Amino acid sequence: MSIIREERIGGQRLIQGDCLGALASVAAAHAVITDPPYSSGARTTAQMRGRGGMSRGGAWADKPLPNDRLSVTGFTWLMRQVGLEAERLLVPGGSFLAFIDWRQYPTLYGCIESCNLQIINMVVWDKQVFGMGNGFRNQHELILHASAGTPRVFDRSVPNVIGAKRIPSSDIHPTEKPVELMEEIIRVVTDRDEVVVDPFMGSGTTLVACQRLGRMGTGVEIDPGYFDVACRRVEEAARQPDLFVTAPEQPKQEAMEL
């Protein structure tokens, strides 16, 4: 299974299908930015096989994320294949950024480093409010930043700890990221009209941010329901005025000389 369905909305390309097969249709990218399934809702591989996906609240208890029940071996294989595709796609200096939690960060680090990408930094998303836990309650997620050589940087004002309030109770996706957070990340590693690829598109937040910032995004999502949500969200973003196009100057009425 590669591409089941494809939509082009605004400057964005949305693909429903398997990311590894679908990415073969992409020639190059200036950045790969994604939020993969972490597969870390349990402490051991045995627990992962028996659970129903990472616990994300009662509203999503009956709908685990696709590929969120992988063993460590399965997660390692998947992310290394994605890393190899990213290494093929990225222009010199192009960046790879992937969200991950503290449990799987070392595994993801090894996967991406073994794909001949250079690990650059650990970025922290500060959610501003804490979540579940019992003492030192969770208030952050990690983002692994790697690149194809020396990274291209377009905005040096963004620190490696980015504060953006989490979406408290999303009704469209259990791990939805704030658009403002994705915009901050995209602005650092890409310029206007450049290509951003998201192999795990989910509800389409990366492509919404691309549309708003004037980047050309390609997103892949295997779940048909989330794919439809992503299409709707990108279509809504495409209907908004382009913030980067200067509005034409209104004609001024001047007094006629007699």
C-alpha atoms as a PDB file:
ATOM      1  CA  MET A   1       0.000   0.000   0.000  1.00  0.00           C
ATOM      2  CA  SER A   2       1.465   3.361  -1.023  1.00  0.00           C
ATOM      3  CA  ILE A   3      -0.985   6.078  -2.064  1.00  0.00           C
ATOM      4  CA  ILE A   4      -4.695   5.469  -1.531  1.00  0.00           C
ATOM      5  CA  ARG A   5      -5.891   9.016  -2.071  1.00  0.00           C
ATOM      6  CA  GLU A   6      -4.312  12.368  -2.813  1.00  0.00           C
ATOM      7  CA  GLU A   7      -5.594  15.950  -2.476  1.00  0.00           C
ATOM      8  CA  ARG A   8      -3.950  19.250  -3.372  1.00  0.00           C
ATOM      9  CA  ILE A   9      -5.290  22.192  -1.391  1.00  0.00           C
ATOM     10  CA  GLY A  10      -3.757  25.647  -1.529  1.00  0.00           C
ATOM     11  CA  GLY A  11      -0.029  25.066  -1.672  1.00  0.00           C
ATOM     12  CA  GLN A  12      -0.285  21.734   0.155  1.00  0.00           C
ATOM     13  CA  ARG A  13      -0.237  18.108  -0.967  1.00  0.00           C
ATOM     14  CA  LEU A  14      -2.085  15.630   1.265  1.00  0.00           C
ATOM     15  CA  ILE A  15      -1.631  11.881   0.786  1.00  0.00           C
ATOM     16  CA  GLN A  16      -3.583   9.085   2.420  1.00  0.00           C
ATOM     17  CA  GLY A  17      -1.464   5.968   2.554  1.00  0.00           C
ATOM     18  CA  ASP A  18       1.592   4.307   4.042  1.00  0.00           C
ATOM     19  CA  CYS A  19       4.317   6.871   4.658  1.00  0.00           C
ATOM     20  CA  LEU A  20       7.205   4.697   3.485  1.00  0.00           C
ATOM     21  CA  GLY A  21       5.562   3.972   0.160  1.00  0.00           C
ATOM     22  CA  ALA A  22       4.161   7.475  -0.311  1.00  0.00           C
ATOM     23  CA  LEU A  23       7.452   9.245   0.392  1.00  0.00           C
ATOM     24  CA  ALA A  24       8.893   7.615  -2.704  1.00  0.00           C
ATOM     25  CA  SER A  25       6.740  10.051  -4.709  1.00  0.00           C
ATOM     26  CA  VAL A  26       8.542  13.054  -3.183  1.00  0.00           C
ATOM     27  CA  ALA A  27      11.700  14.245  -4.915  1.00  0.00           C
ATOM     28  CA  ALA A  28      13.255  16.569  -2.336  1.00  0.00           C
ATOM     29  CA  ALA A  29      12.534  18.586   0.788  1.00  0.00           C
ATOM     30  CA  HIS A  30      14.049  21.486   2.675  1.00  0.00           C
ATOM     31  CA  ALA A  31      12.781  20.057   5.982  1.00  0.00           C
ATOM     32  CA  VAL A  32      11.114  16.922   7.332  1.00  0.00           C
ATOM     33  CA  ILE A  33       9.044  17.810  10.394  1.00  0.00           C
ATOM     34  CA  THR A  34       6.849  15.200  12.025  1.00  0.00           C
ATOM     35  CA  ASP A  35       5.150  13.830  15.127  1.00  0.00           C
ATOM     36  CA  PRO A  36       5.422  10.026  14.902  1.00  0.00           C
ATOM     37  CA  PRO A  37       3.641   7.532  17.176  1.00  0.00           C
ATOM     38  CA  TYR A  38       5.871   7.243  20.242  1.00  0.00           C
ATOM     39  CA  SER A  39       4.995   3.613  21.093  1.00  0.00           C
ATOM     40  CA  SER A  40       5.959   4.306  24.692  1.00  0.00           C
ATOM     41  CA  GLY A  41       2.789   4.057  26.733  1.00  0.00           C
ATOM     42  CA  ALA A  42       4.157   1.059  28.609  1.00  0.00           C
ATOM     43  CA  ARG A  43       7.464   0.383  30.323  1.00  0.00           C
ATOM     44  CA  THR A  44       8.295  -2.936  28.646  1.00  0.00           C
ATOM     45  CA  THR A  45       7.955  -4.509  25.215  1.00  0.00           C
ATOM     46  CA  ALA A  46       5.644  -7.146  26.656  1.00  0.00           C
ATOM     47  CA  GLN A  47       3.310  -4.480  28.023  1.00  0.00           C
ATOM     48  CA  MET A  48       3.314  -2.662  24.668  1.00  0.00           C
ATOM     49  CA  ARG A  49       2.025  -5.732  22.867  1.00  0.00           C
ATOM     50  CA  GLY A  50      -0.873  -6.151  25.253  1.00  0.00           C
ATOM     51  CA  ARG A  51      -2.016  -2.575  25.688  1.00  0.00           C
ATOM     52  CA  GLY A  52      -4.447  -0.587  23.583  1.00  0.00           C
ATOM     53  CA  GLY A  53      -2.060   2.168  22.593  1.00  0.00           C
ATOM     54  CA  MET A  54      -0.629   4.988  24.615  1.00  0.00           C
ATOM     55  CA  SER A  55      -3.094   6.259  27.220  1.00  0.00           C
ATOM     56  CA  ARG A  56      -4.409   9.639  26.070  1.00  0.00           C
ATOM     57  CA  GLY A  57      -7.601  10.117  28.062  1.00  0.00           C
ATOM     58  CA  GLY A  58     -11.044   8.562  28.065  1.00  0.00           C
ATOM     59  CA  ALA A  59     -12.199  10.221  24.854  1.00  0.00           C
ATOM     60  CA  TRP A  60      -9.605   8.266  22.853  1.00  0.00           C
ATOM     61  CA  ALA A  61      -9.591   5.008  24.833  1.00  0.00           C
ATOM     62  CA  ASP A  62     -11.241   3.021  22.019  1.00  0.00           C
ATOM     63  CA  LYS A  63      -9.137   4.500  19.194  1.00  0.00           C
ATOM     64  CA  PRO A  64      -5.406   3.896  19.604  1.00  0.00           C
ATOM     65  CA  LEU A  65      -3.155   5.656  17.114  1.00  0.00           C
ATOM     66  CA  PRO A  66      -1.987   3.601  14.123  1.00  0.00           C
ATOM     67  CA  ASN A  67       1.439   2.032  14.825  1.00  0.00           C
ATOM     68  CA  ASP A  68       1.345   3.197  18.467  1.00  0.00           C
ATOM     69  CA  ARG A  69       1.572  -0.377  19.771  1.00  0.00           C
ATOM     70  CA  LEU A  70       4.943  -1.239  18.286  1.00  0.00           C
ATOM     71  CA  SER A  71       7.619  -3.056  20.240  1.00  0.00           C
ATOM     72  CA  VAL A  72      11.007  -1.394  20.616  1.00  0.00           C
ATOM     73  CA  THR A  73      12.187  -3.456  17.646  1.00  0.00           C
ATOM     74  CA  GLY A  74       9.234  -2.378  15.525  1.00  0.00           C
ATOM     75  CA  PHE A  75       9.583   1.298  16.445  1.00  0.00           C
ATOM     76  CA  THR A  76      13.308   1.199  15.709  1.00  0.00           C
ATOM     77  CA  TRP A  77      12.737  -0.357  12.286  1.00  0.00           C
ATOM     78  CA  LEU A  78       9.987   2.114  11.357  1.00  0.00           C
ATOM     79  CA  MET A  79      11.860   5.240  12.396  1.00  0.00           C
ATOM     80  CA  ARG A  80      15.099   4.114  10.754  1.00  0.00           C
ATOM     81  CA  GLN A  81      13.225   3.615   7.472  1.00  0.00           C
ATOM     82  CA  VAL A  82      11.717   7.092   7.853  1.00  0.00           C
ATOM     83  CA  GLY A  83      15.190   8.449   8.632  1.00  0.00           C
ATOM     84  CA  LEU A  84      16.638   6.865   5.503  1.00  0.00           C
ATOM     85  CA  GLU A  85      13.887   8.467   3.416  1.00  0.00           C
ATOM     86  CA  ALA A  86      14.568  11.817   5.104  1.00  0.00           C
ATOM     87  CA  GLU A  87      18.285  11.501   4.306  1.00  0.00           C
ATOM     88  CA  ARG A  88      17.386  10.927   0.645  1.00  0.00           C
ATOM     89  CA  LEU A  89      14.933  13.830   0.507  1.00  0.00           C
ATOM     90  CA  LEU A  90      16.789  16.565   2.361  1.00  0.00           C
ATOM     91  CA  VAL A  91      18.733  19.200   0.476  1.00  0.00           C
ATOM     92  CA  PRO A  92      22.200  20.007   1.890  1.00  0.00           C
ATOM     93  CA  GLY A  93      21.581  21.712   5.215  1.00  0.00           C
ATOM     94  CA  GLY A  94      17.980  20.540   5.363  1.00  0.00           C
ATOM     95  CA  SER A  95      16.594  19.712   8.803  1.00  0.00           C
ATOM     96  CA  PHE A  96      14.827  16.690  10.279  1.00  0.00           C
ATOM     97  CA  LEU A  97      12.733  17.372  13.387  1.00  0.00           C
ATOM     98  CA  ALA A  98      10.658  14.736  15.171  1.00  0.00           C
ATOM     99  CA  PHE A  99       8.627  14.977  18.363  1.00  0.00           C
ATOM    100  CA  ILE A 100       9.280  12.239  20.919  1.00  0.00           C
ATOM    101  CA  ASP A 101       9.054  11.623  24.664  1.00  0.00           C
ATOM    102  CA  TRP A 102      11.845  11.021  27.154  1.00  0.00           C
ATOM    103  CA  ARG A 103      11.498   7.217  27.055  1.00  0.00           C
ATOM    104  CA  GLN A 104      11.979   6.866  23.317  1.00  0.00           C
ATOM    105  CA  TYR A 105      14.389   9.773  22.760  1.00  0.00           C
ATOM    106  CA  PRO A 106      17.527   7.555  23.005  1.00  0.00           C
ATOM    107  CA  THR A 107      16.034   5.035  20.573  1.00  0.00           C
ATOM    108  CA  LEU A 108      15.067   7.730  18.068  1.00  0.00           C
ATOM    109  CA  TYR A 109      18.508   9.339  18.430  1.00  0.00           C
ATOM    110  CA  GLY A 110      20.202   6.104  17.403  1.00  0.00           C
ATOM    111  CA  CYS A 111      17.797   5.516  14.510  1.00  0.00           C
ATOM    112  CA  ILE A 112      18.380   8.927  12.965  1.00  0.00           C
ATOM    113  CA  GLU A 113      22.119   9.080  13.646  1.00  0.00           C
ATOM    114  CA  SER A 114      22.562   5.746  11.854  1.00  0.00           C
ATOM    115  CA  CYS A 115      20.936   7.252   8.733  1.00  0.00           C
ATOM    116  CA  ASN A 116      23.918   9.557   8.144  1.00  0.00           C
ATOM    117  CA  LEU A 117      22.100  12.575   9.544  1.00  0.00           C
ATOM    118  CA  GLN A 118      23.927  14.809  12.013  1.00  0.00           C
ATOM    119  CA  ILE A 119      22.250  15.246  15.406  1.00  0.00           C
ATOM    120  CA  ILE A 120      22.146  18.984  16.082  1.00  0.00           C
ATOM    121  CA  ASN A 121      20.105  19.663  19.194  1.00  0.00           C
ATOM    122  CA  MET A 122      17.392  18.621  21.603  1.00  0.00           C
ATOM    123  CA  VAL A 123      14.484  21.068  21.448  1.00  0.00           C
ATOM    124  CA  VAL A 124      11.980  21.144  24.302  1.00  0.00           C
ATOM    125  CA  TRP A 125       8.321  21.989  23.914  1.00  0.00           C
ATOM    126  CA  ASP A 126       7.185  23.585  27.187  1.00  0.00           C
ATOM    127  CA  LYS A 127       3.420  23.054  27.304  1.00  0.00           C
ATOM    128  CA  GLN A 128       3.009  25.825  29.922  1.00  0.00           C
ATOM    129  CA  VAL A 129       0.707  23.627  32.056  1.00  0.00           C
ATOM    130  CA  PHE A 130       1.442  20.209  33.524  1.00  0.00           C
ATOM    131  CA  GLY A 131      -0.435  17.030  32.691  1.00  0.00           C
ATOM    132  CA  MET A 132      -0.722  13.580  34.185  1.00  0.00           C
ATOM    133  CA  GLY A 133       1.751  12.183  36.687  1.00  0.00           C
ATOM    134  CA  ASN A 134       2.521  11.859  40.378  1.00  0.00           C
ATOM    135  CA  GLY A 135       5.272  14.273  41.353  1.00  0.00           C
ATOM    136  CA  PHE A 136       7.274  16.098  38.680  1.00  0.00           C
ATOM    137  CA  ARG A 137       4.215  15.971  36.457  1.00  0.00           C
ATOM    138  CA  ASN A 138       4.711  16.027  32.705  1.00  0.00           C
ATOM    139  CA  GLN A 139       4.880  19.493  31.152  1.00  0.00           C
ATOM    140  CA  HIS A 140       7.086  18.943  28.119  1.00  0.00           C
ATOM    141  CA  GLU A 141       7.806  16.915  25.025  1.00  0.00           C
ATOM    142  CA  LEU A 142      11.118  16.616  23.232  1.00  0.00           C
ATOM    143  CA  ILE A 143      11.984  17.318  19.613  1.00  0.00           C
ATOM    144  CA  LEU A 144      15.042  15.720  18.060  1.00  0.00           C
ATOM    145  CA  HIS A 145      16.754  18.026  15.558  1.00  0.00           C
ATOM    146  CA  ALA A 146      19.092  16.541  12.968  1.00  0.00           C
ATOM    147  CA  SER A 147      20.280  17.781   9.607  1.00  0.00           C
ATOM    148  CA  ALA A 148      21.982  16.853   6.354  1.00  0.00           C
ATOM    149  CA  GLY A 149      25.251  18.611   7.129  1.00  0.00           C
ATOM    150  CA  THR A 150      25.405  22.074   8.645  1.00  0.00           C
ATOM    151  CA  PRO A 151      21.786  23.155   9.163  1.00  0.00           C
ATOM    152  CA  ARG A 152      20.288  26.055   7.254  1.00  0.00           C
ATOM    153  CA  VAL A 153      18.865  28.556   9.769  1.00  0.00           C
ATOM    154  CA  PHE A 154      16.504  31.396   8.861  1.00  0.00           C
ATOM    155  CA  ASP A 155      15.404  32.655  12.281  1.00  0.00           C
ATOM    156  CA  ARG A 156      17.976  32.840  15.073  1.00  0.00           C
ATOM    157  CA  SER A 157      15.576  34.335  17.603  1.00  0.00           C
ATOM    158  CA  VAL A 158      13.970  31.026  18.652  1.00  0.00           C
ATOM    159  CA  PRO A 159      15.484  29.240  21.702  1.00  0.00           C
ATOM    160  CA  ASN A 160      15.685  25.467  22.159  1.00  0.00           C
ATOM    161  CA  VAL A 161      12.900  25.669  24.749  1.00  0.00           C
ATOM    162  CA  ILE A 162       9.691  26.780  23.038  1.00  0.00           C
ATOM    163  CA  GLY A 163       6.687  27.722  25.142  1.00  0.00           C
ATOM    164  CA  ALA A 164       3.302  27.020  23.586  1.00  0.00           C
ATOM    165  CA  LYS A 165       0.201  26.138  25.548  1.00  0.00           C
ATOM    166  CA  ARG A 166      -0.969  22.612  24.828  1.00  0.00           C
ATOM    167  CA  ILE A 167      -4.429  21.945  23.424  1.00  0.00           C
ATOM    168  CA  PRO A 168      -6.215  20.679  26.563  1.00  0.00           C
ATOM    169  CA  SER A 169      -8.967  18.535  25.064  1.00  0.00           C
ATOM    170  CA  SER A 170      -8.726  18.211  21.306  1.00  0.00           C
ATOM    171  CA  ASP A 171     -11.726  16.577  19.699  1.00  0.00           C
ATOM    172  CA  ILE A 172      -9.960  15.934  16.382  1.00  0.00           C
ATOM    173  CA  HIS A 173      -6.737  14.120  17.357  1.00  0.00           C
ATOM    174  CA  PRO A 174      -5.334  12.795  20.661  1.00  0.00           C
ATOM    175  CA  THR A 175      -1.858  14.297  20.157  1.00  0.00           C
ATOM    176  CA  GLU A 176      -2.708  17.495  18.271  1.00  0.00           C
ATOM    177  CA  LYS A 177       0.075  20.090  18.402  1.00  0.00           C
ATOM    178  CA  PRO A 178      -0.552  23.856  18.520  1.00  0.00           C
ATOM    179  CA  VAL A 179      -0.270  25.536  15.117  1.00  0.00           C
ATOM    180  CA  GLU A 180       1.795  28.315  16.709  1.00  0.00           C
ATOM    181  CA  LEU A 181       4.381  25.772  17.882  1.00  0.00           C
ATOM    182  CA  MET A 182       4.720  24.294  14.409  1.00  0.00           C
ATOM    183  CA  GLU A 183       5.056  27.768  12.925  1.00  0.00           C
ATOM    184  CA  GLU A 184       7.963  28.563  15.245  1.00  0.00           C
ATOM    185  CA  ILE A 185       9.766  25.385  14.185  1.00  0.00           C
ATOM    186  CA  ILE A 186       9.104  25.862  10.472  1.00  0.00           C
ATOM    187  CA  ARG A 187      10.302  29.476  10.528  1.00  0.00           C
ATOM    188  CA  VAL A 188      13.688  28.454  11.942  1.00  0.00           C
ATOM    189  CA  VAL A 189      14.603  25.845   9.321  1.00  0.00           C
ATOM    190  CA  THR A 190      12.829  26.928   6.108  1.00  0.00           C
ATOM    191  CA  ASP A 191      12.266  29.990   3.969  1.00  0.00           C
ATOM    192  CA  ARG A 192       9.120  31.038   2.131  1.00  0.00           C
ATOM    193  CA  ASP A 193       8.122  28.772  -0.812  1.00  0.00           C
ATOM    194  CA  GLU A 194      10.318  25.928   0.422  1.00  0.00           C
ATOM    195  CA  VAL A 195       9.162  22.314   0.820  1.00  0.00           C
ATOM    196  CA  VAL A 196       8.275  20.712   4.170  1.00  0.00           C
ATOM    197  CA  VAL A 197       7.424  16.994   4.428  1.00  0.00           C
ATOM    198  CA  ASP A 198       5.469  15.401   7.297  1.00  0.00           C
ATOM    199  CA  PRO A 199       5.405  11.554   7.104  1.00  0.00           C
ATOM    200  CA  PHE A 200       2.944  11.283  10.052  1.00  0.00           C
ATOM    201  CA  MET A 201       0.514  14.091   9.247  1.00  0.00           C
ATOM    202  CA  GLY A 202      -2.256  13.237  11.712  1.00  0.00           C
ATOM    203  CA  SER A 203      -4.844  16.015  11.718  1.00  0.00           C
ATOM    204  CA  GLY A 204      -2.711  18.218   9.477  1.00  0.00           C
ATOM    205  CA  THR A 205      -1.251  20.804  11.870  1.00  0.00           C
ATOM    206  CA  THR A 206       2.120  20.927  10.078  1.00  0.00           C
ATOM    207  CA  LEU A 207       0.435  21.626   6.737  1.00  0.00           C
ATOM    208  CA  VAL A 208      -1.871  24.241   8.280  1.00  0.00           C
ATOM    209  CA  ALA A 209       1.249  26.023   9.551  1.00  0.00           C
ATOM    210  CA  CYS A 210       2.869  25.669   6.118  1.00  0.00           C
ATOM    211  CA  GLN A 211      -0.163  27.189   4.445  1.00  0.00           C
ATOM    212  CA  ARG A 212      -0.148  30.121   6.841  1.00  0.00           C
ATOM    213  CA  LEU A 213       3.588  30.709   6.406  1.00  0.00           C
ATOM    214  CA  GLY A 214       3.770  30.323   2.644  1.00  0.00           C
ATOM    215  CA  ARG A 215       5.600  26.979   2.610  1.00  0.00           C
ATOM    216  CA  MET A 216       4.737  24.043   0.353  1.00  0.00           C
ATOM    217  CA  GLY A 217       3.898  21.056   2.509  1.00  0.00           C
ATOM    218  CA  THR A 218       3.471  17.363   1.737  1.00  0.00           C
ATOM    219  CA  GLY A 219       1.805  15.300   4.439  1.00  0.00           C
ATOM    220  CA  VAL A 220       1.087  11.565   4.647  1.00  0.00           C
ATOM    221  CA  GLU A 221      -1.553   9.990   6.897  1.00  0.00           C
ATOM    222  CA  ILE A 222      -2.660   6.365   6.935  1.00  0.00           C
ATOM    223  CA  ASP A 223      -5.923   6.815   8.887  1.00  0.00           C
ATOM    224  CA  PRO A 224      -8.817   7.887   6.593  1.00  0.00           C
ATOM    225  CA  GLY A 225     -10.628   9.747   9.369  1.00  0.00           C
ATOM    226  CA  TYR A 226      -7.623  11.866  10.327  1.00  0.00           C
ATOM    227  CA  PHE A 227      -6.880  12.398   6.632  1.00  0.00           C
ATOM    228  CA  ASP A 228     -10.344  13.906   6.130  1.00  0.00           C
ATOM    229  CA  VAL A 229      -9.834  16.152   9.163  1.00  0.00           C
ATOM    230  CA  ALA A 230      -6.491  17.317   7.777  1.00  0.00           C
ATOM    231  CA  CYS A 231      -8.073  18.149   4.420  1.00  0.00           C
ATOM    232  CA  ARG A 232     -10.767  20.242   6.102  1.00  0.00           C
ATOM    233  CA  ARG A 233      -8.278  22.119   8.269  1.00  0.00           C
ATOM    234  CA  VAL A 234      -5.920  22.895   5.382  1.00  0.00           C
ATOM    235  CA  GLU A 235      -8.869  24.024   3.260  1.00  0.00           C
ATOM    236  CA  GLU A 236      -9.926  26.410   6.022  1.00  0.00           C
ATOM    237  CA  ALA A 237      -6.374  27.774   6.251  1.00  0.00           C
ATOM    238  CA  ALA A 238      -6.235  28.195   2.468  1.00  0.00           C
ATOM    239  CA  ARG A 239      -9.347  30.383   2.568  1.00  0.00           C
ATOM    240  CA  GLN A 240      -7.642  32.854   4.885  1.00  0.00           C
ATOM    241  CA  PRO A 241      -5.860  35.853   3.326  1.00  0.00           C
ATOM    242  CA  ASP A 242      -2.146  35.410   2.666  1.00  0.00           C
ATOM    243  CA  LEU A 243      -0.374  37.321   5.435  1.00  0.00           C
ATOM    244  CA  PHE A 244       2.795  37.569   3.350  1.00  0.00           C
ATOM    245  CA  VAL A 245       1.267  39.332   0.348  1.00  0.00           C
ATOM    246  CA  THR A 246       1.143  43.101   0.632  1.00  0.00           C
ATOM    247  CA  ALA A 247      -2.367  44.358   0.107  1.00  0.00           C
ATOM    248  CA  PRO A 248      -2.735  46.633  -2.914  1.00  0.00           C
ATOM    249  CA  GLU A 249      -2.673  50.304  -2.061  1.00  0.00           C
ATOM    250  CA  GLN A 250      -6.122  51.819  -2.094  1.00  0.00           C
ATOM    251  CA  PRO A 251      -6.586  54.693  -4.562  1.00  0.00           C
ATOM    252  CA  LYS A 252      -6.635  58.094  -2.915  1.00  0.00           C
ATOM    253  CA  GLN A 253      -9.044  60.769  -3.961  1.00  0.00           C
ATOM    254  CA  GLU A 254      -7.228  64.021  -4.567  1.00  0.00           C
ATOM    255  CA  ALA A 255      -8.571  67.483  -5.202  1.00  0.00           C
ATOM    256  CA  MET A 256      -8.533  68.491  -8.837  1.00  0.00           C
ATOM    257  CA  GLU A 257      -6.534  71.586  -9.660  1.00  0.00           C
ATOM    258  CA  LEU A 258      -8.571  74.305 -11.401  1.00  0.00           C
END
